[in-house]
Amino acid sequence: MSMIDTKDIIVQAEKFYETAKDCIGIEYNNGWYVGDKELSTEELKKYLFPKNVVTATVNLAFCCELLLKSMLNKGTKIEGHKLRPLFNKLDEKWKQLIILKMGYENSNQIFYHLLDEISNSFEKWRYIYECKLEDRKIQFSFLNNFSIILMCVAHAKYFYEKKEFDKIDSKDLELIN
């Protein structure tokens, strides 16, 4: 069996993120836009649910899974789809950087609660038709922001381990050193 390359995992995750963006529209800050119109959560449900929200959610969740696996990569296959157990396996400095960049440095409990809410999104949303209507909920903004932050931190970790420090944001480098 050949070694699994971290950069290949990151590149694949980027493709799933781009596909998610194509499913919905363009993301901006904490919201999603179609054309120039920002969609509220209710509009998002009415306007796009189920087709586009389902495919975007599955792609974002898989993107997050791959990015976490890239950060855990030691060259062999890493099992599991759930985000919380994968996140828990990260070194503490990477977990803290992610929590900080997500804006939850003073509220770890809220961060972990929201992470738990999206942890099984990939498996659940692939088979959303099996869920009761009242169980079809997703912390979409958190999932989207988590994917963006993971992308930044996964790249930083990759360059940090390659000792290519010039490719890492100087503020992030201070935090992880």
Protein backbone atom coordinates (compact mmCIF):
# COMPACT_ATOMS: atom_id res chain seq x y z
CA MET A 1 0.00 0.00 0.00
CA SER A 2 1.35 3.42 -0.90
CA MET A 3 1.66 6.28 1.56
CA ILE A 4 -1.22 8.74 1.62
CA ASP A 5 -0.01 12.25 0.80
CA THR A 6 -1.37 15.07 2.96
CA LYS A 7 -1.38 17.56 0.09
CA ASP A 8 -3.55 15.18 -1.97
CA ILE A 9 -6.10 15.04 0.85
CA ILE A 10 -6.18 18.84 1.11
CA VAL A 11 -6.61 19.25 -2.65
CA GLN A 12 -9.51 16.79 -2.64
CA ALA A 13 -11.13 18.64 0.29
CA GLU A 14 -10.85 21.91 -1.65
CA LYS A 15 -12.77 20.31 -4.52
CA PHE A 16 -15.60 19.25 -2.21
CA TYR A 17 -15.72 22.80 -0.80
CA GLU A 18 -15.92 24.30 -4.30
CA THR A 19 -18.72 21.88 -5.17
CA ALA A 20 -20.63 22.95 -2.05
CA LYS A 21 -20.28 26.59 -3.07
CA ASP A 22 -21.60 25.73 -6.53
CA CYS A 23 -24.63 23.99 -4.99
CA ILE A 24 -25.82 27.05 -3.07
CA GLY A 25 -24.30 30.21 -4.37
CA ILE A 26 -21.54 32.31 -2.94
CA GLU A 27 -20.79 32.29 0.78
CA TYR A 28 -20.05 35.52 2.55
CA ASN A 29 -19.28 35.85 6.26
CA ASN A 30 -21.97 33.88 8.10
CA GLY A 31 -24.55 33.83 5.32
CA TRP A 32 -25.22 32.46 1.89
CA TYR A 33 -26.15 34.46 -1.18
CA VAL A 34 -27.92 33.65 -4.39
CA GLY A 35 -27.09 36.45 -6.78
CA ASP A 36 -27.14 39.60 -4.63
CA LYS A 37 -29.75 38.30 -2.19
CA GLU A 38 -28.59 37.10 1.24
CA LEU A 39 -30.68 34.16 2.39
CA SER A 40 -31.89 33.84 5.96
CA THR A 41 -32.08 30.35 7.41
CA GLU A 42 -35.81 30.23 6.65
CA GLU A 43 -35.32 31.48 3.08
CA LEU A 44 -32.53 28.97 2.64
CA LYS A 45 -34.91 26.18 3.64
CA LYS A 46 -37.75 27.45 1.43
CA TYR A 47 -35.66 28.47 -1.53
CA LEU A 48 -33.21 25.61 -1.76
CA PHE A 49 -34.26 22.73 0.45
CA PRO A 50 -33.93 19.84 -0.05
CA LYS A 51 -31.83 19.41 -3.20
CA ASN A 52 -29.18 22.10 -2.92
CA VAL A 53 -28.92 22.25 0.85
CA VAL A 54 -28.53 18.49 1.02
CA THR A 55 -25.76 18.36 -1.58
CA ALA A 56 -24.01 21.41 -0.12
CA THR A 57 -24.18 19.96 3.40
CA VAL A 58 -22.82 16.57 2.31
CA ASN A 59 -19.98 18.23 0.40
CA LEU A 60 -19.09 20.63 3.25
CA ALA A 61 -19.19 17.84 5.82
CA PHE A 62 -16.96 15.63 3.67
CA CYS A 63 -14.63 18.57 3.09
CA CYS A 64 -14.30 18.99 6.89
CA GLU A 65 -13.72 15.27 7.34
CA LEU A 66 -10.94 15.26 4.75
CA LEU A 67 -9.28 18.37 6.21
CA LEU A 68 -9.27 16.85 9.70
CA LYS A 69 -7.85 13.63 8.27
CA SER A 70 -5.16 15.63 6.45
CA MET A 71 -4.16 17.10 9.81
CA LEU A 72 -4.00 13.62 11.35
CA ASN A 73 -2.30 11.99 8.38
CA LYS A 74 0.66 9.75 9.15
CA GLY A 75 0.59 8.07 5.74
CA THR A 76 -2.07 5.45 6.43
CA LYS A 77 -5.85 5.35 6.16
CA ILE A 78 -7.82 7.07 8.95
CA GLU A 79 -11.24 5.57 9.66
CA GLY A 80 -14.48 7.35 10.49
CA HIS A 81 -16.75 10.10 9.22
CA LYS A 82 -17.72 11.81 12.48
CA LEU A 83 -16.10 15.21 12.89
CA ARG A 84 -15.96 15.41 16.70
CA PRO A 85 -13.89 12.22 17.19
CA LEU A 86 -11.53 13.30 14.40
CA PHE A 87 -11.21 16.79 15.90
CA ASN A 88 -10.53 15.30 19.34
CA LYS A 89 -7.51 13.43 17.93
CA LEU A 90 -5.76 16.66 16.87
CA ASP A 91 -2.85 18.01 18.89
CA GLU A 92 -4.03 20.59 21.40
CA LYS A 93 -2.31 23.53 19.67
CA TRP A 94 -4.20 22.86 16.43
CA LYS A 95 -7.51 22.47 18.26
CA GLN A 96 -6.95 25.77 20.06
CA LEU A 97 -6.00 27.55 16.83
CA ILE A 98 -9.21 26.32 15.16
CA ILE A 99 -11.35 27.35 18.14
CA LEU A 100 -9.65 30.77 18.22
CA LYS A 101 -10.08 31.36 14.48
CA MET A 102 -13.73 30.30 14.75
CA GLY A 103 -14.22 33.01 17.39
CA TYR A 104 -14.99 30.68 20.33
CA GLU A 105 -11.82 31.17 22.40
CA ASN A 106 -13.93 32.32 25.37
CA SER A 107 -16.70 29.79 24.85
CA ASN A 108 -15.27 26.33 24.20
CA GLN A 109 -18.49 24.78 25.48
CA ILE A 110 -20.53 26.45 22.72
CA PHE A 111 -17.96 25.46 20.10
CA TYR A 112 -18.07 21.81 21.16
CA HIS A 113 -21.88 21.85 21.31
CA LEU A 114 -22.05 23.15 17.71
CA LEU A 115 -19.36 20.69 16.63
CA ASP A 116 -21.44 17.87 18.10
CA GLU A 117 -24.46 19.17 16.15
CA ILE A 118 -22.59 18.82 12.83
CA SER A 119 -20.40 15.84 13.74
CA ASN A 120 -22.47 13.24 11.89
CA SER A 121 -23.58 15.49 9.02
CA PHE A 122 -21.89 13.50 6.27
CA GLU A 123 -23.63 10.23 7.13
CA LYS A 124 -26.94 11.80 8.16
CA TRP A 125 -27.33 14.11 5.17
CA ARG A 126 -26.31 11.48 2.60
CA TYR A 127 -29.42 9.61 3.69
CA ILE A 128 -31.60 12.58 4.68
CA TYR A 129 -34.68 10.94 3.18
CA GLU A 130 -34.48 8.39 6.02
CA CYS A 131 -34.79 11.14 8.67
CA LYS A 132 -38.04 12.47 10.06
CA LEU A 133 -38.80 15.98 8.85
CA GLU A 134 -38.25 17.43 12.35
CA ASP A 135 -34.74 15.87 12.44
CA ARG A 136 -33.65 17.58 9.21
CA LYS A 137 -31.72 20.35 10.92
CA ILE A 138 -28.21 21.60 10.32
CA GLN A 139 -26.03 24.31 11.83
CA PHE A 140 -25.21 25.39 8.28
CA SER A 141 -23.31 28.61 9.04
CA PHE A 142 -21.17 26.81 11.62
CA LEU A 143 -20.46 23.96 9.17
CA ASN A 144 -19.51 26.43 6.45
CA ASN A 145 -17.28 28.50 8.75
CA PHE A 146 -15.71 25.35 10.18
CA SER A 147 -14.79 24.21 6.65
CA ILE A 148 -13.19 27.58 5.84
CA ILE A 149 -11.18 27.68 9.08
CA LEU A 150 -10.12 24.05 8.71
CA MET A 151 -8.90 24.85 5.20
CA CYS A 152 -6.69 27.66 6.56
CA VAL A 153 -5.38 25.64 9.50
CA ALA A 154 -4.79 22.47 7.45
CA HIS A 155 -2.68 24.51 5.03
CA ALA A 156 -0.80 26.13 7.92
CA LYS A 157 -0.09 22.73 9.51
CA TYR A 158 1.05 21.32 6.18
CA PHE A 159 3.52 24.20 5.62
CA TYR A 160 4.58 24.17 9.28
CA GLU A 161 5.57 20.52 9.04
CA LYS A 162 7.42 21.20 5.77
CA LYS A 163 9.16 24.09 7.57
CA GLU A 164 7.92 26.52 4.91
CA PHE A 165 7.16 29.18 7.52
CA ASP A 166 6.95 32.00 4.98
CA LYS A 167 3.70 30.47 3.66
CA ILE A 168 1.98 30.74 7.06
CA ASP A 169 0.21 33.84 8.38
CA SER A 170 2.61 35.37 10.94
CA LYS A 171 -0.12 35.60 13.62
CA ASP A 172 -0.92 31.91 13.18
CA LEU A 173 2.77 31.03 13.31
CA GLU A 174 3.10 32.82 16.69
CA LEU A 175 0.19 30.80 18.06
CA ILE A 176 1.45 27.38 16.94
CA ASN A 177 5.11 27.79 17.81
